[in-house]
Amino acid sequence: MTERILAADTLDGGTDRPPPARFAYDWHTWKEITHLLVNLPTSIIGFTYVVTVLFVGAGLTLTVIGLPVLALGLMGARQLGKVERVRARALLGVRVDEPSRLPFRRRGGFFAALWMGLKDPVGWRATLYELIRLPWSIVTFTVTLTSLFVLWPVLPFIARGLANADRAMVRALLSPSDGLERRIAELESDRGVVVDTAAADLRRIERDLHDGAQARLVALAMGLGLAKEKLLEGQADDTVAAMVDEAHGEVKLALQELRDLARGIHPAVLTDRGLDAALSSVASRCTVPVKVTAELPSRPAAAIEGSAYFTVSELLQNVSKHSGARSASVDVWRSDNRLLIQVWDDGRGGASLDGGTGMAGLADRLGAVDGLFVIDSPVGGPTTITAELPWRDRDLTDASGAKR
């Protein structure tokens, strides 16, 4: 199977077109007729609202409350646009992305939020939509109603033409403008993914410290305390020696767990020697022989390098635990402005985003940085997973802040 996660989905408007019109009153035709007849009452409500808001808001601009009233009116126009998108989706099959969230929720204080509300393009386009729709709805209502009684044999064709004009109007005025609003919504969603991922990583680190190194250090402190008491009492016997030996073993285990935890946060070899050496280190810990090939003319930005490292690390863990493979390979290279990663194994295959192996989390992480995640894993194998990340050149300073 092949599954793909993209950083941005394409606009779906226009893909759910009704079948061609014909000399018959099918379900699509009746929905279009309903839409055209309902246009008039809904447009009267919308037109009345926006005209009232514009006149009241413009008339009160000389006072303190004029601009807030206008900004709130544009917020209401947004809601009218949302209702129209729902109606167009239900009756016309037009599916367009929802614009970005309300600008009033943005940070920066009251005046910044007010300014964002006043220049909100979504609100203004919804206002324009309601203004021009009233005369158009009078035409569509009159033509449709007349055709029901006079031109009913060709009404399906008339309704289709009028409905197509409405479809074009919805897509032009009620969809995100030039992809900008959609992109804002995607970035807001990606920010939520990043925040959730960071919170999950912090919980994992806290859990590992609490259950691992911290527990061992507590046991170590208790053991050394008992040994100290015996030494103070003059009982320097084999029991004390055994307790000290046990404490020494606990110290070594705690240090190993702390090193593993630090490697999981950000390995030192990645910072010091780059992606090639770090991936070779990860491959050496895999239970399957792994061939690593990294052809990079330079080092990418630290964030991209870290994302690539953890992606390969997670995929090789899946190879060790779930694949049943006998061999695997990791290839990393740069193509134009993209960093490409391909992990292959000759295992049993059947990997998917919903297989419970962390693939969905990897796809979300890559999507949050404009990445791409593709799984090609037929049952029986082999499995080829391709990941792409945007290439950004490394800064002039390294992670420690020192000049390179």
Protein backbone atom coordinates (compact mmCIF):
# COMPACT_ATOMS: atom_id res chain seq x y z
CA MET A 1 0.00 0.00 0.00
CA THR A 2 1.11 3.57 -0.48
CA GLU A 3 0.11 6.30 1.94
CA ARG A 4 1.01 9.95 1.64
CA ILE A 5 0.88 12.87 4.08
CA LEU A 6 1.39 16.32 2.60
CA ALA A 7 2.04 19.57 4.42
CA ALA A 8 -0.88 21.20 2.59
CA ASP A 9 -4.00 19.70 1.05
CA THR A 10 -5.32 21.08 -2.21
CA LEU A 11 -8.56 22.97 -2.37
CA ASP A 12 -11.38 20.51 -2.87
CA GLY A 13 -13.78 22.91 -4.46
CA GLY A 14 -14.84 21.85 -7.93
CA THR A 15 -14.02 18.16 -7.56
CA ASP A 16 -17.57 17.11 -6.52
CA ARG A 17 -19.34 18.26 -9.66
CA PRO A 18 -22.85 16.98 -10.31
CA PRO A 19 -23.53 14.80 -13.35
CA PRO A 20 -24.40 16.51 -16.65
CA ALA A 21 -27.84 18.07 -16.83
CA ARG A 22 -30.47 16.18 -18.78
CA PHE A 23 -34.17 16.27 -19.55
CA ALA A 24 -35.08 14.77 -16.19
CA TYR A 25 -35.62 15.98 -12.66
CA ASP A 26 -33.05 13.97 -10.73
CA TRP A 27 -31.87 14.55 -7.14
CA HIS A 28 -29.12 16.99 -8.16
CA THR A 29 -31.56 19.07 -10.17
CA TRP A 30 -34.00 19.36 -7.29
CA LYS A 31 -31.21 20.42 -4.94
CA GLU A 32 -30.13 23.10 -7.38
CA ILE A 33 -33.71 24.35 -7.76
CA THR A 34 -34.06 24.46 -3.96
CA HIS A 35 -30.86 26.45 -3.69
CA LEU A 36 -31.99 28.97 -6.29
CA LEU A 37 -35.38 29.46 -4.64
CA VAL A 38 -33.88 29.81 -1.16
CA ASN A 39 -31.41 32.38 -2.48
CA LEU A 40 -33.89 35.23 -2.19
CA PRO A 41 -34.88 35.00 1.51
CA THR A 42 -31.31 34.30 2.64
CA SER A 43 -29.90 37.12 0.52
CA ILE A 44 -32.46 39.57 1.95
CA ILE A 45 -31.25 38.70 5.46
CA GLY A 46 -27.60 38.97 4.48
CA PHE A 47 -28.03 42.20 2.52
CA THR A 48 -29.98 43.82 5.33
CA TYR A 49 -27.30 42.85 7.84
CA VAL A 50 -24.28 44.11 5.90
CA VAL A 51 -25.95 47.36 4.84
CA THR A 52 -26.94 48.04 8.44
CA VAL A 53 -23.44 47.27 9.68
CA LEU A 54 -21.75 49.39 7.03
CA PHE A 55 -24.02 52.41 7.53
CA VAL A 56 -24.01 52.22 11.31
CA GLY A 57 -20.28 51.53 11.50
CA ALA A 58 -19.43 54.30 9.03
CA GLY A 59 -21.80 56.73 10.76
CA LEU A 60 -20.26 56.04 14.16
CA THR A 61 -16.63 56.29 13.06
CA LEU A 62 -16.59 59.83 14.44
CA THR A 63 -17.23 58.37 17.88
CA VAL A 64 -15.25 55.94 20.03
CA ILE A 65 -17.45 52.92 19.29
CA GLY A 66 -17.63 53.27 15.51
CA LEU A 67 -14.59 51.19 14.58
CA PRO A 68 -15.29 48.39 17.11
CA VAL A 69 -18.87 48.18 15.80
CA LEU A 70 -17.58 47.87 12.25
CA ALA A 71 -15.03 45.23 13.27
CA LEU A 72 -17.71 43.22 15.06
CA GLY A 73 -19.95 43.60 12.03
CA LEU A 74 -17.23 42.06 9.85
CA MET A 75 -17.00 39.24 12.35
CA GLY A 76 -20.72 38.64 11.87
CA ALA A 77 -20.26 38.72 8.09
CA ARG A 78 -17.76 35.90 8.54
CA GLN A 79 -20.49 33.84 10.17
CA LEU A 80 -22.88 34.58 7.30
CA GLY A 81 -20.19 33.37 4.93
CA LYS A 82 -19.85 30.19 6.97
CA VAL A 83 -23.60 29.57 6.68
CA GLU A 84 -23.44 30.10 2.92
CA ARG A 85 -20.54 27.65 2.61
CA VAL A 86 -22.60 25.04 4.45
CA ARG A 87 -25.60 25.70 2.21
CA ALA A 88 -23.49 25.53 -0.95
CA ARG A 89 -21.90 22.29 0.24
CA ALA A 90 -25.28 20.71 0.97
CA LEU A 91 -27.17 21.84 -2.12
CA LEU A 92 -24.51 22.54 -4.76
CA GLY A 93 -21.76 20.12 -3.78
CA VAL A 94 -19.23 22.96 -3.55
CA ARG A 95 -16.54 22.16 -1.00
CA VAL A 96 -14.11 24.93 -0.13
CA ASP A 97 -11.70 25.20 2.75
CA GLU A 98 -12.70 27.17 5.80
CA PRO A 99 -10.75 30.43 6.16
CA SER A 100 -8.41 31.01 9.07
CA ARG A 101 -9.68 31.58 12.59
CA LEU A 102 -11.06 34.92 13.74
CA PRO A 103 -8.45 37.70 13.84
CA PHE A 104 -9.81 38.90 17.20
CA ARG A 105 -8.08 35.96 18.85
CA ARG A 106 -4.66 37.11 17.78
CA ARG A 107 -2.28 38.46 20.37
CA GLY A 108 -1.04 42.04 20.54
CA GLY A 109 -3.61 43.88 22.60
CA PHE A 110 -6.97 45.53 21.89
CA PHE A 111 -5.84 47.96 19.19
CA ALA A 112 -3.86 45.32 17.31
CA ALA A 113 -6.88 42.99 17.39
CA LEU A 114 -9.14 45.86 16.28
CA TRP A 115 -6.89 46.65 13.35
CA MET A 116 -6.74 43.01 12.32
CA GLY A 117 -10.53 42.86 12.49
CA LEU A 118 -10.97 45.97 10.38
CA LYS A 119 -8.70 44.72 7.60
CA ASP A 120 -9.94 41.13 7.77
CA PRO A 121 -10.13 40.04 4.09
CA VAL A 122 -12.51 37.17 4.88
CA GLY A 123 -15.05 39.50 6.46
CA TRP A 124 -14.85 42.00 3.63
CA ARG A 125 -15.25 39.33 0.95
CA ALA A 126 -18.27 37.91 2.79
CA THR A 127 -19.69 41.44 2.93
CA LEU A 128 -19.18 41.89 -0.81
CA TYR A 129 -20.79 38.49 -1.41
CA GLU A 130 -23.94 39.51 0.49
CA LEU A 131 -24.12 42.85 -1.31
CA ILE A 132 -23.99 41.50 -4.85
CA ARG A 133 -26.08 38.43 -4.13
CA LEU A 134 -29.38 40.27 -3.57
CA PRO A 135 -29.86 41.46 -7.17
CA TRP A 136 -28.57 38.13 -8.42
CA SER A 137 -30.96 36.19 -6.15
CA ILE A 138 -33.90 38.23 -7.46
CA VAL A 139 -32.95 37.13 -10.98
CA THR A 140 -32.46 33.46 -10.02
CA PHE A 141 -35.68 33.34 -8.00
CA THR A 142 -37.74 34.92 -10.78
CA VAL A 143 -36.25 32.80 -13.58
CA THR A 144 -36.51 29.55 -11.62
CA LEU A 145 -40.06 30.15 -10.44
CA THR A 146 -41.20 31.17 -13.92
CA SER A 147 -39.49 28.19 -15.52
CA LEU A 148 -41.26 25.82 -13.16
CA PHE A 149 -44.56 26.73 -14.82
CA VAL A 150 -43.54 27.84 -18.31
CA LEU A 151 -40.21 26.27 -19.29
CA TRP A 152 -40.32 23.18 -17.09
CA PRO A 153 -38.97 20.76 -19.78
CA VAL A 154 -35.67 22.68 -19.97
CA LEU A 155 -35.58 23.80 -16.35
CA PRO A 156 -32.80 21.31 -15.45
CA PHE A 157 -30.51 23.07 -17.94
CA ILE A 158 -31.54 26.54 -16.76
CA ALA A 159 -31.05 25.53 -13.12
CA ARG A 160 -27.64 24.08 -13.90
CA GLY A 161 -26.47 27.30 -15.56
CA LEU A 162 -27.69 29.51 -12.72
CA ALA A 163 -26.28 27.11 -10.11
CA ASN A 164 -22.89 27.11 -11.83
CA ALA A 165 -22.81 30.90 -11.52
CA ASP A 166 -23.52 30.51 -7.80
CA ARG A 167 -20.77 27.93 -7.52
CA ALA A 168 -18.29 30.31 -9.12
CA MET A 169 -19.41 33.11 -6.77
CA VAL A 170 -18.94 30.93 -3.68
CA ARG A 171 -15.48 29.79 -4.76
CA ALA A 172 -14.40 33.32 -5.67
CA LEU A 173 -15.62 35.15 -2.57
CA LEU A 174 -16.05 32.61 0.24
CA SER A 175 -12.94 30.47 -0.18
CA PRO A 176 -9.50 31.36 1.24
CA SER A 177 -7.94 34.09 -0.90
CA ASP A 178 -4.94 33.00 -2.98
CA GLY A 179 -4.28 30.17 -0.56
CA LEU A 180 -3.18 32.66 2.12
CA GLU A 181 -6.01 32.02 4.55
CA ARG A 182 -5.72 28.29 4.03
CA ARG A 183 -1.97 28.50 4.65
CA ILE A 184 -2.57 30.42 7.88
CA ALA A 185 -4.95 27.72 9.05
CA GLU A 186 -2.39 25.03 8.17
CA LEU A 187 0.34 26.83 10.08
CA GLU A 188 -1.94 27.15 13.10
CA SER A 189 -2.67 23.43 12.92
CA ASP A 190 1.03 22.63 12.49
CA ARG A 191 1.85 24.81 15.50
CA GLY A 192 -0.61 22.73 17.53
CA VAL A 193 1.14 19.54 16.36
CA VAL A 194 4.53 20.95 17.35
CA VAL A 195 3.26 22.02 20.77
CA ASP A 196 1.64 18.62 21.38
CA THR A 197 4.80 16.82 20.26
CA ALA A 198 7.00 18.95 22.52
CA ALA A 199 4.67 18.33 25.45
CA ALA A 200 4.75 14.57 24.78
CA ASP A 201 8.55 14.63 24.62
CA LEU A 202 8.74 16.50 27.92
CA ARG A 203 6.40 13.95 29.54
CA ARG A 204 8.54 11.11 28.16
CA ILE A 205 11.74 12.69 29.52
CA GLU A 206 10.11 13.28 32.89
CA ARG A 207 8.84 9.68 33.00
CA ASP A 208 12.23 8.26 32.02
CA LEU A 209 14.00 10.33 34.66
CA HIS A 210 11.47 9.42 37.34
CA ASP A 211 11.32 5.71 36.59
CA GLY A 212 14.96 5.24 35.63
CA ALA A 213 17.88 7.37 36.77
CA GLN A 214 16.02 9.06 39.63
CA ALA A 215 14.90 5.74 41.13
CA ARG A 216 18.42 4.35 40.86
CA LEU A 217 19.93 7.44 42.47
CA VAL A 218 17.44 7.21 45.35
CA ALA A 219 18.38 3.57 45.91
CA LEU A 220 22.04 4.55 45.67
CA ALA A 221 21.62 7.27 48.30
CA MET A 222 19.85 4.86 50.65
CA GLY A 223 22.51 2.18 50.17
CA LEU A 224 25.37 4.61 50.76
CA GLY A 225 23.56 5.96 53.83
CA LEU A 226 23.32 2.47 55.35
CA ALA A 227 26.97 1.79 54.52
CA LYS A 228 27.96 5.09 56.15
CA GLU A 229 26.08 4.20 59.34
CA LYS A 230 27.82 0.82 59.54
CA LEU A 231 31.20 2.44 58.98
CA LEU A 232 30.51 4.99 61.73
CA GLU A 233 29.60 2.09 64.03
CA GLY A 234 32.91 0.43 63.19
CA GLN A 235 31.31 -2.42 61.21
CA ALA A 236 33.69 -2.51 58.23
CA ASP A 237 32.78 -6.07 57.27
CA ASP A 238 31.84 -7.90 54.07
CA THR A 239 28.29 -6.57 54.27
CA VAL A 240 29.52 -2.98 53.93
CA ALA A 241 31.78 -3.97 51.04
CA ALA A 242 28.83 -5.63 49.30
CA MET A 243 26.69 -2.53 49.82
CA VAL A 244 29.40 -0.28 48.36
CA ASP A 245 29.84 -2.66 45.42
CA GLU A 246 26.10 -2.62 44.80
CA ALA A 247 26.08 1.19 44.99
CA HIS A 248 28.91 1.29 42.44
CA GLY A 249 26.83 -0.84 40.09
CA GLU A 250 23.83 1.44 40.55
CA VAL A 251 26.00 4.45 39.70
CA LYS A 252 27.11 2.85 36.42
CA LEU A 253 23.54 1.93 35.49
CA ALA A 254 22.28 5.44 36.32
CA LEU A 255 25.03 6.98 34.19
CA GLN A 256 24.14 4.70 31.29
CA GLU A 257 20.46 5.63 31.56
CA LEU A 258 21.34 9.32 31.67
CA ARG A 259 23.52 8.90 28.57
CA ASP A 260 20.69 7.13 26.75
CA LEU A 261 18.26 9.85 27.80
CA ALA A 262 20.64 12.59 26.61
CA ARG A 263 21.04 10.75 23.31
CA GLY A 264 17.27 10.67 22.96
CA ILE A 265 17.04 14.43 23.52
CA HIS A 266 19.83 15.43 21.16
CA PRO A 267 22.89 13.24 20.63
CA ALA A 268 26.27 14.87 20.99
CA VAL A 269 27.56 13.08 17.89
CA LEU A 270 24.91 14.85 15.80
CA THR A 271 26.04 18.26 17.01
CA ASP A 272 29.76 17.50 16.74
CA ARG A 273 30.05 15.37 13.61
CA GLY A 274 26.83 15.77 11.67
CA LEU A 275 24.12 13.57 10.24
CA ASP A 276 26.32 10.92 8.62
CA ALA A 277 28.10 9.95 11.84
CA ALA A 278 24.91 10.20 13.91
CA LEU A 279 22.98 7.90 11.56
CA SER A 280 25.86 5.42 11.53
CA SER A 281 25.69 5.39 15.32
CA VAL A 282 21.95 4.70 15.22
CA ALA A 283 22.43 1.97 12.62
CA SER A 284 25.03 0.24 14.78
CA ARG A 285 22.44 -0.22 17.54
CA CYS A 286 19.86 -1.74 15.18
CA THR A 287 19.37 -5.51 15.47
CA VAL A 288 19.41 -5.75 11.65
CA PRO A 289 22.51 -5.02 9.54
CA VAL A 290 22.02 -1.52 8.11
CA LYS A 291 23.94 0.15 5.31
CA VAL A 292 24.05 3.94 5.66
CA THR A 293 24.75 6.25 2.72
CA ALA A 294 24.69 9.99 3.30
CA GLU A 295 25.63 12.24 0.39
CA LEU A 296 25.34 15.78 1.69
CA PRO A 297 27.52 18.60 0.35
CA SER A 298 27.01 20.56 3.56
CA ARG A 299 25.15 20.36 6.83
CA PRO A 300 21.50 21.50 6.92
CA ALA A 301 20.02 23.71 9.62
CA ALA A 302 20.13 22.21 13.11
CA ALA A 303 16.33 21.83 13.31
CA ILE A 304 16.18 19.99 9.96
CA GLU A 305 19.17 17.86 10.92
CA GLY A 306 17.51 16.92 14.20
CA SER A 307 14.22 16.05 12.49
CA ALA A 308 16.05 13.83 9.99
CA TYR A 309 17.96 12.08 12.78
CA PHE A 310 14.90 11.30 14.88
CA THR A 311 12.95 10.18 11.81
CA VAL A 312 15.62 7.63 10.88
CA SER A 313 16.03 6.60 14.52
CA GLU A 314 12.31 5.89 14.87
CA LEU A 315 12.16 4.01 11.57
CA LEU A 316 15.14 1.82 12.47
CA GLN A 317 13.53 1.03 15.81
CA ASN A 318 10.48 -0.17 13.88
CA VAL A 319 12.75 -2.27 11.67
CA SER A 320 14.26 -3.89 14.77
CA LYS A 321 10.94 -4.51 16.53
CA HIS A 322 8.36 -5.18 13.84
CA SER A 323 9.80 -5.90 10.40
CA GLY A 324 11.42 -9.33 10.75
CA ALA A 325 13.97 -8.11 8.20
CA ARG A 326 17.42 -9.55 7.51
CA SER A 327 18.92 -6.36 6.09
CA ALA A 328 18.11 -2.68 5.79
CA SER A 329 19.53 0.49 4.29
CA VAL A 330 19.36 4.23 4.92
CA ASP A 331 20.01 6.73 2.13
CA VAL A 332 20.16 10.48 2.72
CA TRP A 333 20.78 13.04 0.00
CA ARG A 334 19.94 16.56 -1.06
CA SER A 335 17.84 17.34 -4.14
CA ASP A 336 17.50 21.04 -4.91
CA ASN A 337 15.95 22.59 -1.81
CA ARG A 338 14.82 19.30 -0.23
CA LEU A 339 16.51 16.83 2.10
CA LEU A 340 15.45 13.30 1.13
CA ILE A 341 15.57 10.25 3.36
CA GLN A 342 14.83 6.70 2.27
CA VAL A 343 14.74 3.75 4.66
CA TRP A 344 14.43 0.28 3.11
CA ASP A 345 14.14 -3.18 4.63
CA ASP A 346 13.42 -6.67 3.30
CA GLY A 347 10.96 -7.53 6.07
CA ARG A 348 7.39 -8.76 6.04
CA GLY A 349 5.89 -5.40 4.97
CA GLY A 350 2.38 -4.25 5.76
CA ALA A 351 3.46 -1.01 7.45
CA SER A 352 0.84 1.74 7.56
CA LEU A 353 0.01 4.98 9.31
CA ASP A 354 -2.56 3.28 11.53
CA GLY A 355 -0.45 0.25 12.38
CA GLY A 356 0.43 1.41 15.89
CA THR A 357 4.18 1.75 15.16
CA GLY A 358 4.45 5.53 15.47
CA MET A 359 4.17 6.20 11.73
CA ALA A 360 1.31 8.65 12.19
CA GLY A 361 3.36 10.63 14.72
CA LEU A 362 6.28 10.81 12.30
CA ALA A 363 3.97 11.98 9.52
CA ASP A 364 2.56 14.70 11.80
CA ARG A 365 6.03 15.87 12.79
CA LEU A 366 7.20 16.09 9.20
CA GLY A 367 4.00 17.78 8.11
CA ALA A 368 4.53 20.43 10.79
CA VAL A 369 7.76 21.53 9.06
CA ASP A 370 6.42 21.34 5.47
CA GLY A 371 7.67 17.80 5.08
CA LEU A 372 6.44 14.75 3.21
CA PHE A 373 6.07 11.15 4.39
CA VAL A 374 5.41 8.27 1.99
CA ILE A 375 5.02 4.58 2.87
CA ASP A 376 5.34 1.86 0.25
CA SER A 377 4.92 -1.42 2.14
CA PRO A 378 3.01 -4.21 0.40
CA VAL A 379 2.22 -7.27 2.48
CA GLY A 380 5.18 -9.61 2.15
CA GLY A 381 7.60 -6.73 1.72
CA PRO A 382 9.88 -5.09 1.06
CA THR A 383 9.17 -1.78 2.79
CA THR A 384 10.41 1.54 1.44
CA ILE A 385 9.70 4.69 3.44
CA THR A 386 10.58 8.05 1.95
CA ALA A 387 10.67 11.27 3.92
CA GLU A 388 11.33 14.76 2.65
CA LEU A 389 12.27 17.86 4.59
CA PRO A 390 12.82 21.41 3.40
CA TRP A 391 16.52 22.18 3.08
CA ARG A 392 17.75 25.19 4.97
CA ASP A 393 21.44 26.00 5.16
CA ARG A 394 23.08 25.74 8.54
CA ASP A 395 23.57 28.99 10.43
CA LEU A 396 26.99 30.52 10.87
CA THR A 397 26.86 29.55 14.53
CA ASP A 398 26.58 26.01 15.83
CA ALA A 399 24.27 24.80 18.58
CA SER A 400 26.58 26.14 21.29
CA GLY A 401 26.58 29.60 19.78
CA ALA A 402 30.28 29.54 18.85
CA LYS A 403 31.45 30.50 15.40
CA ARG A 404 32.19 27.53 13.20
